[in-house]
């Protein structure tokens, strides 16, 4: 599972850089989206990939086998920030081309 996630991150970074280096404003936006998704996936994978790990303690679950909520919260925050940056850049691009 970790190898698949690492390959996906590498593919997203490579595609994002390729699109960033393209000639066009939309390529810049798509490249930025791909790089931000690669960063989100990296943060999410840093918390450890556990299948069927409980998210809450119910009294019988040991805290060592629980899912780590910190990377999930960081990724959720990064998604919101990335969406805000995307909206701002899209507004800048539309404003610069409407002159």
N, C-alpha and C. Protein backbone atom coordinates (compact mmCIF):
# COMPACT_ATOMS: atom_id res chain seq x y z
N UNK A 1 0.82 -1.19 0.00
CA UNK A 1 0.00 0.00 0.00
C UNK A 1 0.86 1.26 0.00
N UNK A 2 1.95 1.24 0.77
CA UNK A 2 2.82 2.41 0.85
C UNK A 2 3.50 2.68 -0.48
N UNK A 3 3.82 1.62 -1.21
CA UNK A 3 4.48 1.81 -2.51
C UNK A 3 3.51 2.46 -3.50
N UNK A 4 2.26 2.05 -3.46
CA UNK A 4 1.25 2.64 -4.35
C UNK A 4 1.04 4.12 -4.03
N UNK A 5 1.02 4.47 -2.75
CA UNK A 5 0.85 5.87 -2.35
C UNK A 5 2.08 6.68 -2.77
N UNK A 6 3.27 6.12 -2.58
CA UNK A 6 4.49 6.82 -2.98
C UNK A 6 4.55 7.03 -4.49
N UNK A 7 4.14 6.04 -5.26
CA UNK A 7 4.10 6.20 -6.71
C UNK A 7 3.06 7.24 -7.14
N UNK A 8 1.94 7.27 -6.46
CA UNK A 8 0.91 8.26 -6.77
C UNK A 8 1.40 9.67 -6.47
N UNK A 9 2.09 9.83 -5.34
CA UNK A 9 2.65 11.14 -5.00
C UNK A 9 3.67 11.57 -6.05
N UNK A 10 4.54 10.65 -6.44
CA UNK A 10 5.54 10.97 -7.46
C UNK A 10 4.91 11.34 -8.79
N UNK A 11 3.87 10.62 -9.16
CA UNK A 11 3.17 10.92 -10.41
C UNK A 11 2.48 12.28 -10.36
N UNK A 12 1.87 12.61 -9.23
CA UNK A 12 1.23 13.91 -9.07
C UNK A 12 2.24 15.05 -9.12
N UNK A 13 3.38 14.86 -8.48
CA UNK A 13 4.42 15.90 -8.50
C UNK A 13 4.96 16.08 -9.91
N UNK A 14 5.23 14.98 -10.59
CA UNK A 14 5.77 15.07 -11.95
C UNK A 14 4.77 15.73 -12.90
N UNK A 15 3.51 15.34 -12.80
CA UNK A 15 2.50 15.95 -13.66
C UNK A 15 2.28 17.42 -13.31
N UNK A 16 2.34 17.76 -12.03
CA UNK A 16 2.19 19.14 -11.61
C UNK A 16 3.31 20.03 -12.10
N UNK A 17 4.53 19.56 -12.01
CA UNK A 17 5.66 20.34 -12.52
C UNK A 17 5.60 20.46 -14.03
N UNK A 18 5.21 19.39 -14.69
CA UNK A 18 5.07 19.44 -16.15
C UNK A 18 4.04 20.49 -16.56
N UNK A 19 2.91 20.53 -15.85
CA UNK A 19 1.88 21.52 -16.18
C UNK A 19 2.30 22.93 -15.80
N UNK A 20 3.06 23.08 -14.71
CA UNK A 20 3.54 24.41 -14.32
C UNK A 20 4.49 24.99 -15.36
N UNK A 21 5.25 24.13 -16.00
CA UNK A 21 6.22 24.60 -17.00
C UNK A 21 5.59 24.81 -18.37
N UNK A 22 4.32 24.48 -18.52
CA UNK A 22 3.63 24.66 -19.79
C UNK A 22 3.33 26.12 -20.06
N UNK A 23 3.07 26.40 -21.32
CA UNK A 23 2.79 27.79 -21.71
C UNK A 23 1.29 28.03 -21.66
N UNK A 24 0.86 28.67 -20.63
CA UNK A 24 -0.56 28.99 -20.51
C UNK A 24 -0.93 29.22 -19.06
N UNK A 25 -1.95 30.02 -18.89
CA UNK A 25 -2.36 30.35 -17.52
C UNK A 25 -3.16 29.21 -16.89
N UNK A 26 -3.92 28.50 -17.70
CA UNK A 26 -4.67 27.38 -17.15
C UNK A 26 -3.73 26.25 -16.75
N UNK A 27 -2.64 26.08 -17.49
CA UNK A 27 -1.64 25.08 -17.10
C UNK A 27 -1.06 25.39 -15.73
N UNK A 28 -0.91 26.66 -15.42
CA UNK A 28 -0.41 27.07 -14.11
C UNK A 28 -1.39 26.64 -13.02
N UNK A 29 -2.67 26.86 -13.24
CA UNK A 29 -3.67 26.47 -12.25
C UNK A 29 -3.72 24.95 -12.05
N UNK A 30 -3.72 24.22 -13.15
CA UNK A 30 -3.78 22.76 -13.05
C UNK A 30 -2.53 22.21 -12.37
N UNK A 31 -1.37 22.76 -12.70
CA UNK A 31 -0.13 22.34 -12.05
C UNK A 31 -0.15 22.62 -10.56
N UNK A 32 -0.68 23.77 -10.18
CA UNK A 32 -0.76 24.10 -8.76
C UNK A 32 -1.72 23.16 -8.03
N UNK A 33 -2.82 22.82 -8.66
CA UNK A 33 -3.77 21.87 -8.06
C UNK A 33 -3.11 20.51 -7.86
N UNK A 34 -2.40 20.04 -8.87
CA UNK A 34 -1.76 18.73 -8.77
C UNK A 34 -0.68 18.71 -7.69
N UNK A 35 0.09 19.79 -7.59
CA UNK A 35 1.12 19.85 -6.54
C UNK A 35 0.51 19.93 -5.15
N UNK A 36 -0.58 20.65 -5.01
CA UNK A 36 -1.21 20.73 -3.69
C UNK A 36 -1.82 19.38 -3.30
N UNK A 37 -2.36 18.66 -4.26
CA UNK A 37 -2.90 17.33 -3.94
C UNK A 37 -1.78 16.35 -3.57
N UNK A 38 -0.63 16.49 -4.23
CA UNK A 38 0.52 15.65 -3.87
C UNK A 38 0.99 15.96 -2.46
N UNK A 39 1.00 17.25 -2.10
CA UNK A 39 1.39 17.63 -0.74
C UNK A 39 0.38 17.10 0.28
N UNK A 40 -0.91 17.18 -0.04
CA UNK A 40 -1.93 16.65 0.87
C UNK A 40 -1.78 15.15 1.06
N UNK A 41 -1.51 14.45 0.00
CA UNK A 41 -1.33 13.00 0.10
C UNK A 41 -0.07 12.65 0.90
N UNK A 42 0.97 13.46 0.77
CA UNK A 42 2.19 13.25 1.54
C UNK A 42 1.93 13.44 3.03
N UNK A 43 1.21 14.49 3.38
CA UNK A 43 0.87 14.74 4.79
C UNK A 43 0.01 13.61 5.33
N UNK A 44 -0.96 13.18 4.54
CA UNK A 44 -1.85 12.11 4.98
C UNK A 44 -1.09 10.80 5.17
N UNK A 45 -0.16 10.50 4.28
CA UNK A 45 0.61 9.26 4.39
C UNK A 45 1.61 9.31 5.52
N UNK A 46 2.00 10.51 5.95
CA UNK A 46 2.98 10.60 7.04
C UNK A 46 2.41 10.13 8.37
N UNK A 47 1.09 10.13 8.49
CA UNK A 47 0.46 9.67 9.72
C UNK A 47 0.41 8.16 9.84
N UNK A 48 0.84 7.46 8.82
CA UNK A 48 0.78 6.00 8.85
C UNK A 48 -0.50 5.51 8.23
N UNK A 49 -0.39 4.55 7.35
CA UNK A 49 -1.56 4.01 6.67
C UNK A 49 -1.97 2.73 7.38
N UNK A 50 -3.08 2.80 8.08
CA UNK A 50 -3.59 1.63 8.80
C UNK A 50 -4.99 1.32 8.30
N UNK A 51 -5.20 0.07 8.00
CA UNK A 51 -6.51 -0.37 7.52
C UNK A 51 -7.38 -0.75 8.71
N UNK A 52 -8.59 -0.27 8.74
CA UNK A 52 -9.58 -0.56 9.78
C UNK A 52 -9.13 -0.12 11.18
N UNK A 53 -8.41 0.99 11.26
CA UNK A 53 -8.02 1.52 12.57
C UNK A 53 -9.17 2.36 13.12
N UNK A 54 -9.55 2.15 14.37
CA UNK A 54 -10.66 2.92 14.92
C UNK A 54 -10.27 4.39 15.12
N UNK A 55 -11.22 5.27 14.94
CA UNK A 55 -10.95 6.69 15.09
C UNK A 55 -11.23 7.17 16.52
N UNK A 56 -12.05 6.44 17.25
CA UNK A 56 -12.41 6.85 18.61
C UNK A 56 -12.09 5.75 19.60
N UNK A 57 -11.80 6.16 20.83
CA UNK A 57 -11.56 5.20 21.91
C UNK A 57 -12.91 4.83 22.53
N UNK A 58 -13.17 3.54 22.59
CA UNK A 58 -14.43 3.10 23.18
C UNK A 58 -14.23 2.37 24.50
N UNK A 59 -13.02 2.43 25.04
CA UNK A 59 -12.75 1.77 26.31
C UNK A 59 -12.05 0.45 26.15
N UNK A 60 -12.28 -0.25 25.04
CA UNK A 60 -11.63 -1.54 24.82
C UNK A 60 -10.47 -1.41 23.82
N UNK A 61 -10.39 -0.29 23.12
CA UNK A 61 -9.37 -0.09 22.10
C UNK A 61 -8.13 0.52 22.73
N UNK A 62 -6.97 -0.02 22.37
CA UNK A 62 -5.72 0.56 22.84
C UNK A 62 -5.37 1.78 21.99
N UNK A 63 -4.87 2.84 22.60
CA UNK A 63 -4.54 4.05 21.84
C UNK A 63 -3.44 3.83 20.79
N UNK A 64 -2.63 2.80 20.95
CA UNK A 64 -1.53 2.56 20.00
C UNK A 64 -2.03 2.10 18.63
N UNK A 65 -3.23 1.52 18.56
CA UNK A 65 -3.74 1.03 17.28
C UNK A 65 -4.75 1.98 16.65
N UNK A 66 -4.97 3.13 17.27
CA UNK A 66 -5.93 4.09 16.72
C UNK A 66 -5.34 4.82 15.52
N UNK A 67 -6.21 5.38 14.72
CA UNK A 67 -5.80 6.22 13.61
C UNK A 67 -5.35 7.57 14.17
N UNK A 68 -4.31 8.14 13.59
CA UNK A 68 -3.79 9.42 14.05
C UNK A 68 -4.64 10.54 13.45
N UNK A 69 -5.33 11.34 14.25
CA UNK A 69 -6.21 12.37 13.69
C UNK A 69 -5.48 13.63 13.24
N UNK A 70 -4.24 13.84 13.66
CA UNK A 70 -3.54 15.07 13.31
C UNK A 70 -3.29 15.21 11.81
N UNK A 71 -2.77 14.20 11.10
CA UNK A 71 -2.61 14.36 9.64
C UNK A 71 -3.93 14.56 8.92
N UNK A 72 -5.00 13.96 9.42
CA UNK A 72 -6.30 14.15 8.80
C UNK A 72 -6.77 15.59 8.95
N UNK A 73 -6.55 16.18 10.11
CA UNK A 73 -6.93 17.58 10.32
C UNK A 73 -6.06 18.51 9.48
N UNK A 74 -4.77 18.20 9.37
CA UNK A 74 -3.88 19.03 8.56
C UNK A 74 -4.27 18.98 7.09
N UNK A 75 -4.62 17.81 6.60
CA UNK A 75 -5.02 17.68 5.20
C UNK A 75 -6.34 18.41 4.95
N UNK A 76 -7.27 18.32 5.86
CA UNK A 76 -8.52 19.04 5.70
C UNK A 76 -8.28 20.55 5.64
N UNK A 77 -7.42 21.05 6.50
CA UNK A 77 -7.06 22.47 6.47
C UNK A 77 -6.35 22.84 5.18
N UNK A 78 -5.45 21.98 4.72
CA UNK A 78 -4.72 22.25 3.48
C UNK A 78 -5.64 22.25 2.27
N UNK A 79 -6.65 21.41 2.28
CA UNK A 79 -7.61 21.40 1.17
C UNK A 79 -8.37 22.72 1.10
N UNK A 80 -8.79 23.22 2.25
CA UNK A 80 -9.52 24.49 2.28
C UNK A 80 -8.63 25.64 1.84
N UNK A 81 -7.39 25.66 2.31
CA UNK A 81 -6.45 26.71 1.92
C UNK A 81 -6.14 26.61 0.43
N UNK A 82 -5.95 25.41 -0.07
CA UNK A 82 -5.69 25.22 -1.50
C UNK A 82 -6.84 25.68 -2.36
N UNK A 83 -8.06 25.43 -1.91
CA UNK A 83 -9.23 25.89 -2.66
C UNK A 83 -9.30 27.40 -2.67
N UNK A 84 -8.97 28.04 -1.55
CA UNK A 84 -8.97 29.50 -1.49
C UNK A 84 -7.92 30.11 -2.41
N UNK A 85 -6.74 29.52 -2.43
CA UNK A 85 -5.68 30.00 -3.32
C UNK A 85 -6.08 29.80 -4.77
N UNK A 86 -6.70 28.67 -5.07
CA UNK A 86 -7.16 28.41 -6.44
C UNK A 86 -8.20 29.45 -6.88
N UNK A 87 -9.14 29.76 -6.01
CA UNK A 87 -10.15 30.75 -6.34
C UNK A 87 -9.52 32.13 -6.55
N UNK A 88 -8.55 32.48 -5.71
CA UNK A 88 -7.87 33.77 -5.85
C UNK A 88 -7.09 33.83 -7.16
N UNK A 89 -6.36 32.77 -7.49
CA UNK A 89 -5.59 32.77 -8.75
C UNK A 89 -6.51 32.78 -9.96
N UNK A 90 -7.62 32.09 -9.88
CA UNK A 90 -8.58 32.11 -10.99
C UNK A 90 -9.15 33.51 -11.18
N UNK A 91 -9.43 34.21 -10.08
CA UNK A 91 -9.91 35.58 -10.19
C UNK A 91 -8.84 36.49 -10.78
N UNK A 92 -7.58 36.28 -10.40
CA UNK A 92 -6.50 37.08 -10.97
C UNK A 92 -6.34 36.83 -12.46
N UNK A 93 -6.45 35.58 -12.86
CA UNK A 93 -6.31 35.25 -14.28
C UNK A 93 -7.47 35.85 -15.07
N UNK A 94 -8.68 35.73 -14.57
CA UNK A 94 -9.82 36.31 -15.27
C UNK A 94 -9.72 37.83 -15.33
N UNK A 95 -9.21 38.44 -14.30
CA UNK A 95 -9.06 39.90 -14.28
C UNK A 95 -7.98 40.35 -15.26
N UNK A 96 -6.90 39.59 -15.36
CA UNK A 96 -5.80 40.00 -16.25
C UNK A 96 -6.14 39.79 -17.72
N UNK A 97 -7.03 38.85 -18.04
CA UNK A 97 -7.37 38.60 -19.43
C UNK A 97 -8.56 39.43 -19.90
N UNK A 98 -9.26 40.09 -18.99
CA UNK A 98 -10.45 40.84 -19.39
C UNK A 98 -10.14 42.28 -19.82
N UNK A 99 -8.90 42.69 -19.76
CA UNK A 99 -8.55 44.08 -20.12
C UNK A 99 -8.61 44.30 -21.59
